[in-house]
């Protein structure tokens, strides 16, 4: 029996680090998952343990190479964004992998924006709200200003997906899906780095840009340079559907992404937490964010305590249109089911407004929802009611981020044409 051809995918999330083998039919044939305890940076703030992560990638890759009856043709990487690994001349990290939630000094932030045109103008050019450390370019600016000794040690700063690729290939590159992910580094209107990156000398710390659909030699196989996870998760949809759509990716954040909206961000949209991502093909994706998954999690705990239920009970609540009709005229709730419907109705008001921001001016016919809320009957029925003239679907892709990273370099490892059944859809009227 011939060995099965596969691609190795490393998918590094904040909580879980996963490695997969995916065959030419895009079926997962092997997987492992690992989680690590966080460490602390020099200020005592929690951060990823970059040493442990580095060792895990190398040992996991060695373990995969030792597997029998498989033929590894390629490897690629996806990881969370807004996170730099700063390496020295020997290629080893010289600084912590700072957390993108690390508080940012107000005085330094003011100095930066005062120097470069003010928050509003700057945000419009870089297609990102003012987010402190979550604008990852600001992390480099902070090191330069606060710790020049460390800044001098940095030979190359790579976003996390590209650092993972570097661990195996030894090649240092930047990728547009990471650079274009609310980093403050990219000028969207001019399609190159913002002026400040050159004026501050930050450009000297960044690796050369390379396409996310390109590959590097890795022994007898090839390697991608890695992708930002949100951009990777959209690739299966971009490859499967040609007509305009919006994807609502749900988790802690609910992010509505419209790759068919090419209108530049307005000041009003920025103030309502809109931003732009960039696809692996280099095109802007207008997006809006809502902290709905977090709100849902906290409120379910509160409701469960009040009605003396297990929080998991919320997963069993079926959509009931009669409850929805009742709640439109009724102020109080008589049971958990009513209270839960009211919670989702309140969330849906915000979700519909958030999604509408990226729908404006486009001819979108379909909305796809993936992640946790795609499995929530109450959420999906209410979303369909909120957009009666758009077809609403719950979408299911096992490990969409890893599948997307495999699709990005499909021609370089897969001899078959793209399968038509990667995404499983459920229609909601």
Protein backbone atom coordinates (compact mmCIF):
# COMPACT_ATOMS: atom_id res chain seq x y z
CA UNK A 1 0.00 0.00 0.00
CA UNK A 2 1.56 3.34 -1.04
CA UNK A 3 2.26 5.97 1.60
CA UNK A 4 -0.44 8.61 1.99
CA UNK A 5 0.58 12.12 0.85
CA UNK A 6 0.01 14.75 3.54
CA UNK A 7 0.78 18.29 4.63
CA UNK A 8 1.83 19.10 8.21
CA UNK A 9 -0.02 22.06 9.77
CA UNK A 10 0.99 23.82 12.97
CA UNK A 11 -1.91 25.86 14.38
CA UNK A 12 -0.86 27.91 17.40
CA UNK A 13 -3.65 29.52 19.42
CA UNK A 14 -3.42 31.42 22.68
CA UNK A 15 -4.68 28.39 24.60
CA UNK A 16 -4.10 25.30 22.46
CA UNK A 17 -1.15 24.47 20.22
CA UNK A 18 -2.08 21.88 17.59
CA UNK A 19 -0.33 19.93 14.87
CA UNK A 20 -2.22 18.12 12.11
CA UNK A 21 -1.61 15.88 9.17
CA UNK A 22 -4.07 16.60 6.34
CA UNK A 23 -4.29 14.42 3.24
CA UNK A 24 -4.89 15.45 -0.38
CA UNK A 25 -8.68 15.20 0.14
CA UNK A 26 -8.37 17.70 3.03
CA UNK A 27 -9.23 15.08 5.63
CA UNK A 28 -7.44 15.25 8.98
CA UNK A 29 -5.63 11.93 9.38
CA UNK A 30 -3.62 12.65 12.55
CA UNK A 31 -3.55 15.36 15.20
CA UNK A 32 -2.06 16.29 18.54
CA UNK A 33 -2.83 19.14 20.91
CA UNK A 34 -0.80 20.75 23.68
CA UNK A 35 -1.29 23.62 26.10
CA UNK A 36 1.35 25.48 28.11
CA UNK A 37 1.37 27.56 31.24
CA UNK A 38 2.12 31.23 30.63
CA UNK A 39 5.30 32.82 31.93
CA UNK A 40 5.93 36.47 32.91
CA UNK A 41 7.77 39.27 31.15
CA UNK A 42 10.15 41.70 32.90
CA UNK A 43 7.19 43.78 34.14
CA UNK A 44 5.43 40.75 35.60
CA UNK A 45 2.77 40.68 32.88
CA UNK A 46 1.68 37.21 31.62
CA UNK A 47 3.01 36.14 28.22
CA UNK A 48 3.59 33.11 26.01
CA UNK A 49 6.60 30.97 26.97
CA UNK A 50 8.51 31.32 23.70
CA UNK A 51 11.21 28.83 24.79
CA UNK A 52 8.65 26.12 25.51
CA UNK A 53 6.80 26.90 22.27
CA UNK A 54 10.05 26.66 20.28
CA UNK A 55 10.91 23.29 21.79
CA UNK A 56 7.37 22.00 21.12
CA UNK A 57 7.50 22.91 17.42
CA UNK A 58 10.87 21.20 16.95
CA UNK A 59 9.96 18.06 18.91
CA UNK A 60 6.52 17.79 17.25
CA UNK A 61 8.08 18.07 13.81
CA UNK A 62 10.60 15.34 14.68
CA UNK A 63 7.75 13.12 15.89
CA UNK A 64 5.81 13.65 12.67
CA UNK A 65 8.84 12.82 10.54
CA UNK A 66 9.11 9.49 12.40
CA UNK A 67 5.56 8.40 11.52
CA UNK A 68 5.25 5.49 9.10
CA UNK A 69 3.11 5.07 5.96
CA UNK A 70 2.93 8.78 5.19
CA UNK A 71 4.66 10.93 2.61
CA UNK A 72 5.06 14.49 3.89
CA UNK A 73 5.01 16.88 0.95
CA UNK A 74 4.77 20.23 2.76
CA UNK A 75 4.40 22.07 6.06
CA UNK A 76 2.68 25.35 6.92
CA UNK A 77 1.77 27.40 9.96
CA UNK A 78 -1.03 29.57 11.34
CA UNK A 79 -0.99 31.46 14.60
CA UNK A 80 -2.64 34.28 16.49
CA UNK A 81 -1.72 37.79 15.41
CA UNK A 82 -0.36 40.98 16.97
CA UNK A 83 2.57 39.08 18.47
CA UNK A 84 6.24 39.56 17.59
CA UNK A 85 9.16 37.24 18.29
CA UNK A 86 12.32 39.37 18.47
CA UNK A 87 15.45 37.42 17.52
CA UNK A 88 19.16 38.22 17.79
CA UNK A 89 22.03 37.53 15.42
CA UNK A 90 21.99 33.82 16.34
CA UNK A 91 18.27 33.55 15.48
CA UNK A 92 17.25 32.98 19.10
CA UNK A 93 14.70 35.15 20.92
CA UNK A 94 16.23 38.06 22.86
CA UNK A 95 12.96 39.27 24.40
CA UNK A 96 9.73 37.83 25.80
CA UNK A 97 6.86 37.12 23.42
CA UNK A 98 4.93 40.09 24.78
CA UNK A 99 1.18 39.65 25.27
CA UNK A 100 -0.96 41.78 22.97
CA UNK A 101 -3.15 42.59 26.00
CA UNK A 102 -0.18 44.12 27.87
CA UNK A 103 -1.13 47.64 29.05
CA UNK A 104 0.41 50.38 26.91
CA UNK A 105 1.81 53.57 28.50
CA UNK A 106 -0.53 56.50 27.83
CA UNK A 107 2.30 59.07 27.61
CA UNK A 108 4.15 57.02 24.99
CA UNK A 109 0.97 56.47 23.01
CA UNK A 110 0.27 60.21 23.02
CA UNK A 111 3.83 60.98 21.89
CA UNK A 112 3.50 58.56 18.98
CA UNK A 113 0.15 59.79 17.67
CA UNK A 114 1.07 63.45 18.18
CA UNK A 115 4.18 62.86 16.07
CA UNK A 116 2.39 61.04 13.25
CA UNK A 117 -0.73 63.09 12.52
CA UNK A 118 -3.10 62.29 15.39
CA UNK A 119 -5.20 59.24 16.20
CA UNK A 120 -7.98 59.78 13.66
CA UNK A 121 -5.82 60.43 10.59
CA UNK A 122 -3.33 57.70 11.50
CA UNK A 123 -6.06 55.15 12.17
CA UNK A 124 -7.69 55.82 8.82
CA UNK A 125 -4.41 55.28 6.97
CA UNK A 126 -3.59 52.07 8.84
CA UNK A 127 -7.21 50.80 8.92
CA UNK A 128 -7.12 50.10 12.63
CA UNK A 129 -8.56 51.58 15.80
CA UNK A 130 -6.15 52.70 18.52
CA UNK A 131 -5.58 49.43 20.40
CA UNK A 132 -2.29 49.84 22.30
CA UNK A 133 -0.23 46.64 22.36
CA UNK A 134 -2.78 44.98 20.05
CA UNK A 135 -1.32 47.27 17.35
CA UNK A 136 1.82 45.11 17.27
CA UNK A 137 3.99 47.75 15.60
CA UNK A 138 3.54 49.75 18.78
CA UNK A 139 5.33 46.99 20.69
CA UNK A 140 8.48 47.62 18.63
CA UNK A 141 8.13 51.38 19.07
CA UNK A 142 7.89 50.85 22.83
CA UNK A 143 11.06 48.76 22.96
CA UNK A 144 12.92 51.39 20.92
CA UNK A 145 11.81 54.18 23.26
CA UNK A 146 11.93 52.41 26.64
CA UNK A 147 14.67 49.82 26.22
CA UNK A 148 17.26 50.91 23.62
CA UNK A 149 19.70 48.27 24.87
CA UNK A 150 17.27 45.47 24.01
CA UNK A 151 16.33 47.23 20.75
CA UNK A 152 19.99 47.14 19.74
CA UNK A 153 20.11 43.36 20.29
CA UNK A 154 17.17 42.73 17.94
CA UNK A 155 18.34 41.59 14.51
CA UNK A 156 14.88 40.60 13.23
CA UNK A 157 11.30 40.88 14.51
CA UNK A 158 8.91 38.34 13.02
CA UNK A 159 5.22 37.88 13.69
CA UNK A 160 4.53 34.56 15.37
CA UNK A 161 3.47 32.56 12.24
CA UNK A 162 6.69 33.55 10.45
CA UNK A 163 8.82 32.72 13.47
CA UNK A 164 7.33 29.21 13.48
CA UNK A 165 8.27 28.82 9.80
CA UNK A 166 11.76 30.17 10.51
CA UNK A 167 12.29 27.46 13.16
CA UNK A 168 12.18 24.78 10.45
CA UNK A 169 13.40 26.63 7.33
CA UNK A 170 15.99 28.97 8.82
CA UNK A 171 14.59 31.71 6.54
CA UNK A 172 13.25 35.00 7.88
CA UNK A 173 10.29 36.59 6.11
CA UNK A 174 7.28 38.81 6.80
CA UNK A 175 3.79 38.01 5.53
CA UNK A 176 1.10 40.47 4.51
CA UNK A 177 -1.71 38.75 6.48
CA UNK A 178 0.25 39.39 9.69
CA UNK A 179 1.58 42.83 8.73
CA UNK A 180 -1.92 43.92 7.69
CA UNK A 181 -3.64 42.74 10.87
CA UNK A 182 -4.25 45.96 12.93
CA UNK A 183 -0.49 46.40 13.41
CA UNK A 184 -0.17 50.17 12.70
CA UNK A 185 2.58 49.17 10.25
CA UNK A 186 0.71 49.16 6.92
CA UNK A 187 -0.63 52.14 4.98
CA UNK A 188 -3.73 50.68 3.31
CA UNK A 189 -4.30 53.61 0.95
CA UNK A 190 -0.75 53.42 -0.44
CA UNK A 191 -0.30 49.64 -0.12
CA UNK A 192 3.06 49.75 1.62
CA UNK A 193 4.55 50.37 5.05
CA UNK A 194 3.48 53.57 6.81
CA UNK A 195 5.96 56.44 6.78
CA UNK A 196 6.71 56.08 10.51
CA UNK A 197 8.18 52.59 9.96
CA UNK A 198 10.96 54.20 7.89
CA UNK A 199 11.38 57.37 9.94
CA UNK A 200 11.86 55.39 13.17
CA UNK A 201 14.14 52.83 11.52
CA UNK A 202 11.71 50.02 12.38
CA UNK A 203 12.00 48.78 8.78
CA UNK A 204 15.53 47.59 9.58
CA UNK A 205 14.11 45.12 12.12
CA UNK A 206 11.50 43.64 9.75
CA UNK A 207 12.16 40.70 7.45
CA UNK A 208 11.43 41.06 3.69
CA UNK A 209 7.81 40.52 2.63
CA UNK A 210 6.94 37.30 0.83
CA UNK A 211 3.61 36.05 -0.50
CA UNK A 212 1.56 33.78 1.77
CA UNK A 213 1.00 31.48 -1.24
CA UNK A 214 4.74 31.04 -1.84
CA UNK A 215 6.89 28.21 -0.48
CA UNK A 216 10.46 27.68 0.67
CA UNK A 217 12.57 24.53 0.22
CA UNK A 218 12.66 22.25 3.26
CA UNK A 219 14.68 19.12 2.56
CA UNK A 220 12.70 17.04 0.03
CA UNK A 221 9.52 18.98 0.76
CA UNK A 222 8.39 22.62 0.87
CA UNK A 223 7.29 24.99 3.62
CA UNK A 224 4.95 27.96 3.69
CA UNK A 225 5.89 31.11 5.58
CA UNK A 226 2.77 30.99 7.78
CA UNK A 227 -0.41 33.05 8.05
CA UNK A 228 -2.35 35.07 10.60
CA UNK A 229 -5.11 32.76 11.88
CA UNK A 230 -8.12 34.98 11.04
CA UNK A 231 -6.92 35.36 7.45
CA UNK A 232 -6.24 31.61 7.19
CA UNK A 233 -9.75 30.76 8.43
CA UNK A 234 -11.30 32.80 5.61
CA UNK A 235 -9.42 30.99 2.81
CA UNK A 236 -11.80 27.98 2.56
CA UNK A 237 -14.68 30.42 1.96
CA UNK A 238 -12.76 32.49 -0.59
CA UNK A 239 -11.85 29.30 -2.46
CA UNK A 240 -15.37 27.82 -2.29
CA UNK A 241 -17.65 30.79 -3.05
CA UNK A 242 -17.41 33.40 -5.79
CA UNK A 243 -20.56 35.45 -5.04
CA UNK A 244 -20.22 38.18 -2.37
CA UNK A 245 -20.58 36.95 1.22
CA UNK A 246 -19.90 37.99 4.79
CA UNK A 247 -18.27 35.59 7.23
CA UNK A 248 -19.06 36.02 10.93
CA UNK A 249 -16.31 34.23 12.80
CA UNK A 250 -17.54 33.64 16.35
CA UNK A 251 -15.59 32.95 19.51
CA UNK A 252 -14.59 35.31 22.30
CA UNK A 253 -14.90 38.00 19.63
CA UNK A 254 -17.52 37.90 16.88
CA UNK A 255 -15.78 39.30 13.81
CA UNK A 256 -17.86 40.11 10.71
CA UNK A 257 -15.58 40.04 7.66
CA UNK A 258 -16.53 41.24 4.18
CA UNK A 259 -13.83 40.59 1.55
CA UNK A 260 -16.08 42.24 -1.06
CA UNK A 261 -16.26 45.65 0.66
CA UNK A 262 -13.55 47.84 -0.87
CA UNK A 263 -14.76 51.20 0.48
CA UNK A 264 -12.10 52.80 2.73
CA UNK A 265 -12.86 52.91 6.43
CA UNK A 266 -14.58 56.05 7.67
CA UNK A 267 -13.96 57.81 10.96
CA UNK A 268 -17.41 56.69 12.17
CA UNK A 269 -16.62 53.05 11.34
CA UNK A 270 -13.29 53.22 13.18
CA UNK A 271 -15.06 54.63 16.22
CA UNK A 272 -17.43 51.64 16.10
CA UNK A 273 -14.50 49.17 16.23
CA UNK A 274 -14.18 48.47 12.49
CA UNK A 275 -10.81 47.63 11.00
CA UNK A 276 -9.28 45.91 8.00
CA UNK A 277 -7.54 42.58 7.61
CA UNK A 278 -5.68 41.54 4.47
CA UNK A 279 -6.32 38.28 2.60
CA UNK A 280 -3.45 35.99 1.67
CA UNK A 281 -3.83 37.40 -1.85
CA UNK A 282 -3.15 40.90 -0.53
CA UNK A 283 -6.68 42.34 -0.71
CA UNK A 284 -8.27 44.33 2.16
CA UNK A 285 -11.12 42.76 4.15
CA UNK A 286 -13.35 45.21 5.98
CA UNK A 287 -14.24 43.83 9.39
CA UNK A 288 -16.22 44.78 12.49
CA UNK A 289 -15.69 43.38 15.97
CA UNK A 290 -18.07 42.63 18.82
CA UNK A 291 -17.08 41.18 22.22
CA UNK A 292 -20.21 39.00 22.08
CA UNK A 293 -18.71 35.61 22.88
CA UNK A 294 -17.24 36.94 26.11
CA UNK A 295 -20.51 38.67 27.03
CA UNK A 296 -22.44 35.45 26.35
CA UNK A 297 -20.10 33.40 28.53
CA UNK A 298 -20.34 35.81 31.48
CA UNK A 299 -24.10 36.25 31.25
CA UNK A 300 -24.77 32.49 30.98
CA UNK A 301 -22.88 32.02 34.27
CA UNK A 302 -25.05 34.71 35.86
CA UNK A 303 -28.29 33.22 34.52
CA UNK A 304 -27.27 29.71 35.58
CA UNK A 305 -26.59 30.90 39.12
CA UNK A 306 -29.93 32.76 39.28
CA UNK A 307 -32.02 29.86 37.94
CA UNK A 308 -29.90 27.20 39.70
CA UNK A 309 -28.81 25.46 36.50
CA UNK A 310 -25.49 24.14 35.23
CA UNK A 311 -24.04 26.69 32.73
CA UNK A 312 -23.91 23.86 30.15
CA UNK A 313 -27.71 23.75 30.28
CA UNK A 314 -27.71 26.76 27.94
CA UNK A 315 -26.44 24.48 25.15
CA UNK A 316 -29.70 22.50 25.31
CA UNK A 317 -32.06 25.47 24.89
CA UNK A 318 -33.92 25.13 21.58
CA UNK A 319 -35.15 28.13 19.63
CA UNK A 320 -38.79 28.91 20.45
CA UNK A 321 -40.45 31.63 18.31
CA UNK A 322 -43.36 31.88 20.76
CA UNK A 323 -40.90 32.94 23.49
CA UNK A 324 -39.44 35.59 21.17
CA UNK A 325 -42.92 36.97 20.46
CA UNK A 326 -43.73 36.98 24.17
CA UNK A 327 -40.52 38.81 25.11
CA UNK A 328 -41.31 41.64 22.71
CA UNK A 329 -44.22 42.61 24.98
CA UNK A 330 -43.14 41.18 28.34
CA UNK A 331 -40.63 42.79 30.72
CA UNK A 332 -39.79 39.93 33.11
CA UNK A 333 -38.64 36.34 32.60
CA UNK A 334 -40.33 33.35 34.23
CA UNK A 335 -37.70 30.68 33.56
CA UNK A 336 -34.21 30.04 32.24
CA UNK A 337 -35.41 29.48 28.66
CA UNK A 338 -37.04 32.90 28.52
CA UNK A 339 -34.05 34.57 30.15
CA UNK A 340 -31.68 32.89 27.70
CA UNK A 341 -33.75 33.94 24.68
CA UNK A 342 -33.72 37.51 26.01
CA UNK A 343 -29.92 37.38 26.37
CA UNK A 344 -29.46 36.27 22.75
CA UNK A 345 -32.00 38.88 21.57
CA UNK A 346 -29.96 41.58 23.33
CA UNK A 347 -26.73 40.25 21.81
CA UNK A 348 -28.39 40.07 18.38
CA UNK A 349 -29.27 43.78 18.42
CA UNK A 350 -25.56 44.54 18.75
CA UNK A 351 -24.53 41.76 16.34
CA UNK A 352 -26.91 42.94 13.61
CA UNK A 353 -25.62 46.51 13.95
CA UNK A 354 -22.00 45.32 13.89
CA UNK A 355 -22.52 43.13 10.80
CA UNK A 356 -24.49 45.89 9.04
CA UNK A 357 -21.38 48.10 9.23
CA UNK A 358 -19.51 45.85 6.77
CA UNK A 359 -22.57 45.13 4.61
CA UNK A 360 -23.05 48.79 3.64
CA UNK A 361 -22.64 49.43 -0.08
CA UNK A 362 -22.16 45.79 -1.09
CA UNK A 363 -24.38 43.23 -2.79
CA UNK A 364 -23.94 40.43 -0.25
CA UNK A 365 -26.39 37.54 -0.74
CA UNK A 366 -25.10 35.17 1.94
CA UNK A 367 -23.89 35.29 5.52
CA UNK A 368 -21.85 32.38 6.85
CA UNK A 369 -21.35 31.87 10.59
CA UNK A 370 -18.60 29.68 11.96
CA UNK A 371 -17.36 28.99 15.47
CA UNK A 372 -19.38 28.58 18.67
CA UNK A 373 -22.49 30.57 17.74
CA UNK A 374 -22.90 28.55 14.50
CA UNK A 375 -24.01 25.68 16.77
CA UNK A 376 -26.42 27.90 18.72
CA UNK A 377 -29.97 27.49 17.37
CA UNK A 378 -31.31 30.59 19.12
CA UNK A 379 -28.51 32.81 17.77
CA UNK A 380 -28.80 31.45 14.22
CA UNK A 381 -32.60 31.81 13.98
CA UNK A 382 -32.47 35.36 15.35
CA UNK A 383 -29.64 36.27 12.92
CA UNK A 384 -31.72 34.97 10.01
CA UNK A 385 -34.65 37.10 11.23
CA UNK A 386 -32.37 40.15 11.50
CA UNK A 387 -31.33 39.79 7.84
CA UNK A 388 -34.49 38.50 6.09
CA UNK A 389 -33.24 39.36 2.59
CA UNK A 390 -29.90 37.54 2.99
CA UNK A 391 -29.46 33.75 3.12
CA UNK A 392 -27.95 32.84 6.50
CA UNK A 393 -25.97 29.63 6.96
CA UNK A 394 -24.25 27.91 9.87
CA UNK A 395 -20.94 26.71 8.47
CA UNK A 396 -18.82 23.89 9.75
CA UNK A 397 -15.20 23.26 8.78
CA UNK A 398 -13.17 21.01 11.04
CA UNK A 399 -10.08 23.07 11.95
CA UNK A 400 -10.75 25.86 9.45
CA UNK A 401 -7.52 27.70 10.27
CA UNK A 402 -5.32 24.69 9.50
CA UNK A 403 -7.34 23.86 6.37
CA UNK A 404 -6.91 27.46 5.21
CA UNK A 405 -3.14 27.32 5.69
CA UNK A 406 -3.05 24.11 3.62
CA UNK A 407 -5.19 25.69 0.88
CA UNK A 408 -2.90 28.74 0.68
CA UNK A 409 -0.11 26.59 -0.79
CA UNK A 410 -2.34 23.92 -2.40
CA UNK A 411 -0.57 23.81 -5.83
CA UNK A 412 2.80 23.18 -4.17
CA UNK A 413 1.86 19.94 -2.38
CA UNK A 414 -1.48 18.62 -3.62
CA UNK A 415 -1.87 16.84 -6.97
CA UNK A 416 -5.68 16.82 -6.78
CA UNK A 417 -8.11 19.64 -7.56
CA UNK A 418 -9.79 21.47 -4.70
CA UNK A 419 -12.60 19.38 -3.17
CA UNK A 420 -16.09 20.86 -3.24
CA UNK A 421 -17.18 19.59 0.16
CA UNK A 422 -14.76 21.30 2.55
CA UNK A 423 -17.54 23.39 4.12
CA UNK A 424 -20.72 21.87 5.56
CA UNK A 425 -23.63 24.33 5.51
CA UNK A 426 -26.97 24.46 7.33
CA UNK A 427 -29.51 27.01 6.05
CA UNK A 428 -31.63 29.04 8.47
CA UNK A 429 -34.84 30.64 7.19
